[in-house]
Amino acid sequence: MEGSKHTIRNPKQVQMSEIQMPPTGCRRAHAFLPFEFCALDLFRISSFGFRVCLLSILLLVVGGCETQPQLAPVAPPTAAPATQAGEQASATVPSGFGPARITILPISEIAGAAGIGQDARLNVYVALLDAFGSPIKAPCSLRFELYEYVRRSAQTKGQRLMIWPDIDLTRPSDNHRSWRDFLRAYEFTLDLRVERDKTYILEATYLGSDGRRLSGEWPIRAGQ
């Protein structure tokens, strides 16, 4: 027919054209080829990161599995032995703060000695010292004795001439009445009869409530 003209192509030309011109699907595939390479690179990077994370986890697990150093067990504090019912623990008294020595101060004197048979007055000052040498107050009883002084003898204390009643200082009021704070000592006035211008040995004895005894001596001359 004349209206429709059909071109008849050679079969060999058709094969050559099919080989030279790729199909439409292939063109689209080749167009997305660079994105495939990018996806492959991302996969490689992701696999590297995964390996690093896996290695870190393994190190943490191995480090956590190391044995910790064992501490020596601490023994629990032992409880004090229980006291029996109705028994009270005695309080421990600190050592060194109680009376350790008694001394007669040099200001002690015999006044008013006019002669044999005449009344005189003994003013005596006594200090109680602790283990550190500090004067202190203490509840106690004090005893005073007067002895004859023996010259040119190894034992200067001779015959006892007088002894006074014990002075009770266990009551706080009596203790404070005889205490002289400016001297840090006790003051007592005792009556006696002695010869004028004669030396005697005065002895003071501390009698503690616990049974302890402390003695101190001092030579004293009448009429001075």
Protein backbone atom coordinates (compact mmCIF):
# COMPACT_ATOMS: atom_id res chain seq x y z
CA MET A 1 0.00 0.00 0.00
CA GLU A 2 1.09 3.46 -0.92
CA GLY A 3 -0.20 5.35 2.22
CA SER A 4 1.86 3.32 4.65
CA LYS A 5 5.42 2.83 3.89
CA HIS A 6 7.32 0.33 5.88
CA THR A 7 11.05 0.30 5.84
CA ILE A 8 12.41 -3.12 5.72
CA ARG A 9 15.60 -3.42 7.69
CA ASN A 10 18.30 -5.90 7.29
CA PRO A 11 18.40 -8.43 10.09
CA LYS A 12 22.17 -7.93 10.51
CA GLN A 13 21.69 -4.21 10.96
CA VAL A 14 19.06 -4.91 13.57
CA GLN A 15 21.47 -7.12 15.55
CA MET A 16 24.21 -4.50 15.34
CA SER A 17 21.89 -1.79 16.57
CA GLU A 18 20.75 -3.95 19.47
CA ILE A 19 24.36 -4.56 20.43
CA GLN A 20 25.41 -0.92 20.20
CA MET A 21 22.36 0.54 22.00
CA PRO A 22 21.89 -0.93 25.46
CA PRO A 23 18.39 -1.44 26.73
CA THR A 24 16.69 1.17 28.86
CA GLY A 25 16.91 -0.93 32.07
CA CYS A 26 20.67 -1.27 31.65
CA ARG A 27 21.06 2.48 31.20
CA ARG A 28 19.29 3.05 34.52
CA ALA A 29 21.46 0.44 36.20
CA HIS A 30 24.64 2.08 34.90
CA ALA A 31 23.36 5.49 35.99
CA PHE A 32 23.16 4.31 39.67
CA LEU A 33 26.64 2.67 39.58
CA PRO A 34 28.45 5.45 41.64
CA PHE A 35 25.90 5.08 44.49
CA GLU A 36 26.66 1.38 44.68
CA PHE A 37 30.35 2.15 45.23
CA CYS A 38 29.42 4.62 47.99
CA ALA A 39 27.26 2.02 49.72
CA LEU A 40 30.15 -0.44 49.55
CA ASP A 41 32.50 2.10 51.19
CA LEU A 42 29.99 2.78 53.94
CA PHE A 43 29.72 -0.95 54.55
CA ARG A 44 33.48 -1.20 54.90
CA ILE A 45 33.59 1.71 57.34
CA SER A 46 30.72 0.25 59.34
CA SER A 47 32.44 -3.13 59.55
CA PHE A 48 35.63 -1.43 60.81
CA GLY A 49 33.68 0.44 63.49
CA PHE A 50 31.93 -2.75 64.49
CA ARG A 51 35.29 -4.46 64.96
CA VAL A 52 36.58 -1.60 67.10
CA CYS A 53 33.46 -1.70 69.29
CA LEU A 54 33.71 -5.48 69.61
CA LEU A 55 37.38 -5.22 70.64
CA SER A 56 36.53 -2.57 73.26
CA ILE A 57 33.78 -4.74 74.72
CA LEU A 58 36.15 -7.70 74.95
CA LEU A 59 38.75 -5.58 76.77
CA LEU A 60 36.14 -4.35 79.24
CA VAL A 61 34.93 -7.89 79.89
CA VAL A 62 38.46 -9.21 80.40
CA GLY A 63 39.35 -6.28 82.66
CA GLY A 64 36.23 -6.79 84.74
CA CYS A 65 36.99 -10.47 85.20
CA GLU A 66 40.32 -9.81 86.91
CA THR A 67 40.36 -10.93 90.52
CA GLN A 68 40.21 -8.12 93.03
CA PRO A 69 42.74 -8.17 95.91
CA GLN A 70 41.28 -9.83 98.95
CA LEU A 71 41.32 -7.72 102.13
CA ALA A 72 42.21 -9.29 105.41
CA PRO A 73 39.10 -9.94 107.50
CA VAL A 74 38.69 -7.49 110.36
CA ALA A 75 37.97 -9.12 113.65
CA PRO A 76 34.85 -7.74 115.36
CA PRO A 77 35.51 -5.80 118.57
CA THR A 78 35.39 -7.97 121.59
CA ALA A 79 32.75 -7.01 124.07
CA ALA A 80 33.77 -6.27 127.62
CA PRO A 81 32.94 -9.08 130.02
CA ALA A 82 29.56 -8.55 131.54
CA THR A 83 29.54 -7.78 135.22
CA GLN A 84 27.36 -9.66 137.60
CA ALA A 85 23.97 -8.30 138.56
CA GLY A 86 24.25 -5.54 141.14
CA GLU A 87 28.03 -5.24 140.67
CA GLN A 88 29.36 -1.81 139.72
CA ALA A 89 32.65 -1.26 137.91
CA SER A 90 35.09 0.62 140.10
CA ALA A 91 36.23 3.98 138.71
CA THR A 92 39.91 4.20 137.83
CA VAL A 93 41.60 7.02 139.73
CA PRO A 94 44.29 8.77 137.66
CA SER A 95 47.68 8.31 139.28
CA GLY A 96 49.90 11.25 140.16
CA PHE A 97 47.15 13.67 141.25
CA GLY A 98 46.75 12.55 144.87
CA PRO A 99 48.95 13.55 147.82
CA ALA A 100 52.44 12.09 147.43
CA ARG A 101 54.41 14.13 149.97
CA ILE A 102 53.82 16.37 152.99
CA THR A 103 56.11 19.23 153.88
CA ILE A 104 56.29 21.85 156.67
CA LEU A 105 56.93 25.34 155.32
CA PRO A 106 59.94 27.26 156.74
CA ILE A 107 57.67 30.10 157.87
CA SER A 108 56.39 27.89 160.69
CA GLU A 109 57.43 29.25 164.10
CA ILE A 110 57.07 29.00 167.87
CA ALA A 111 56.05 32.33 169.33
CA GLY A 112 55.54 33.55 172.92
CA ALA A 113 57.98 31.13 174.59
CA ALA A 114 58.90 32.94 177.79
CA GLY A 115 60.36 30.03 179.72
CA ILE A 116 59.70 26.68 181.30
CA GLY A 117 56.05 26.27 182.26
CA GLN A 118 54.95 29.23 180.18
CA ASP A 119 52.40 28.86 177.45
CA ALA A 120 53.62 29.37 173.88
CA ARG A 121 52.02 29.23 170.47
CA LEU A 122 52.99 27.11 167.50
CA ASN A 123 52.06 28.51 164.08
CA VAL A 124 52.54 25.74 161.57
CA TYR A 125 52.00 25.74 157.79
CA VAL A 126 51.67 22.41 156.00
CA ALA A 127 51.57 21.74 152.25
CA LEU A 128 50.41 18.56 150.52
CA LEU A 129 52.20 17.94 147.23
CA ASP A 130 51.22 15.61 144.41
CA ALA A 131 53.61 13.51 142.33
CA PHE A 132 54.37 16.56 140.15
CA GLY A 133 55.31 18.77 143.13
CA SER A 134 52.15 20.92 142.98
CA PRO A 135 50.40 21.91 146.26
CA ILE A 136 46.86 20.51 146.45
CA LYS A 137 43.91 20.22 148.81
CA ALA A 138 42.88 16.77 150.01
CA PRO A 139 40.46 15.32 152.56
CA CYS A 140 42.51 13.75 155.33
CA SER A 141 43.54 13.94 158.97
CA LEU A 142 46.74 15.63 160.13
CA ARG A 143 48.77 14.70 163.20
CA PHE A 144 51.47 16.91 164.74
CA GLU A 145 54.21 15.75 167.13
CA LEU A 146 57.06 17.60 168.78
CA TYR A 147 60.39 15.84 169.47
CA GLU A 148 63.55 16.75 171.26
CA TYR A 149 66.43 17.76 168.99
CA VAL A 150 69.61 15.69 169.60
CA ARG A 151 72.83 17.42 168.60
CA ARG A 152 75.84 15.68 167.08
CA SER A 153 73.87 12.51 166.35
CA ALA A 154 72.93 10.65 163.19
CA GLN A 155 69.40 10.42 164.54
CA THR A 156 68.51 13.99 165.40
CA LYS A 157 64.96 13.18 166.47
CA GLY A 158 65.01 12.20 170.13
CA GLN A 159 62.30 11.72 172.70
CA ARG A 160 58.76 12.79 171.87
CA LEU A 161 57.66 15.71 174.02
CA MET A 162 54.13 16.46 172.75
CA ILE A 163 51.42 15.04 170.52
CA TRP A 164 48.24 16.88 169.59
CA PRO A 165 44.85 15.37 168.75
CA ASP A 166 44.42 14.58 165.08
CA ILE A 167 42.93 17.41 163.02
CA ASP A 168 40.06 16.19 160.87
CA LEU A 169 40.01 17.75 157.38
CA THR A 170 37.60 15.30 155.75
CA ARG A 171 34.67 17.71 155.90
CA PRO A 172 34.77 20.38 153.16
CA SER A 173 33.97 23.24 155.58
CA ASP A 174 36.78 22.34 157.99
CA ASN A 175 39.19 21.76 155.13
CA HIS A 176 38.45 25.13 153.57
CA ARG A 177 38.65 26.94 156.93
CA SER A 178 42.27 25.92 157.42
CA TRP A 179 43.28 26.41 153.77
CA ARG A 180 45.31 29.49 152.80
CA ASP A 181 44.98 29.92 149.07
CA PHE A 182 47.74 32.51 148.71
CA LEU A 183 50.19 30.05 150.28
CA ARG A 184 48.65 26.91 148.79
CA ALA A 185 48.98 25.39 152.25
CA TYR A 186 47.11 24.72 155.50
CA GLU A 187 47.59 26.90 158.57
CA PHE A 188 47.17 25.74 162.18
CA THR A 189 47.78 27.29 165.59
CA LEU A 190 48.67 24.92 168.43
CA ASP A 191 49.34 25.56 172.09
CA LEU A 192 52.49 24.18 173.73
CA ARG A 193 55.05 24.67 176.50
CA VAL A 194 58.69 24.76 175.51
CA GLU A 195 61.99 26.30 176.61
CA ARG A 196 63.12 29.52 175.06
CA ASP A 197 66.01 29.49 172.59
CA LYS A 198 65.90 25.77 172.18
CA THR A 199 65.56 23.74 168.96
CA TYR A 200 62.95 21.03 168.46
CA ILE A 201 61.87 18.64 165.72
CA LEU A 202 58.32 19.13 164.47
CA GLU A 203 56.76 16.19 162.62
CA ALA A 204 53.55 16.30 160.54
CA THR A 205 51.78 13.13 159.43
CA TYR A 206 49.18 12.82 156.68
CA LEU A 207 46.52 10.17 157.39
CA GLY A 208 44.59 9.35 154.23
CA SER A 209 41.16 7.80 154.06
CA ASP A 210 42.71 4.91 152.10
CA GLY A 211 45.11 4.12 154.95
CA ARG A 212 48.17 5.81 153.44
CA ARG A 213 50.57 7.73 155.69
CA LEU A 214 52.97 10.48 154.70
CA SER A 215 55.36 12.12 157.16
CA GLY A 216 57.51 15.21 157.03
CA GLU A 217 59.92 16.81 159.56
CA TRP A 218 61.29 20.28 160.13
CA PRO A 219 63.65 21.68 162.82
CA ILE A 220 62.07 24.62 164.63
CA ARG A 221 63.53 26.91 167.29
CA ALA A 222 61.54 28.41 170.15
CA GLY A 223 61.66 32.16 170.72
CA GLN A 224 62.28 33.20 167.08
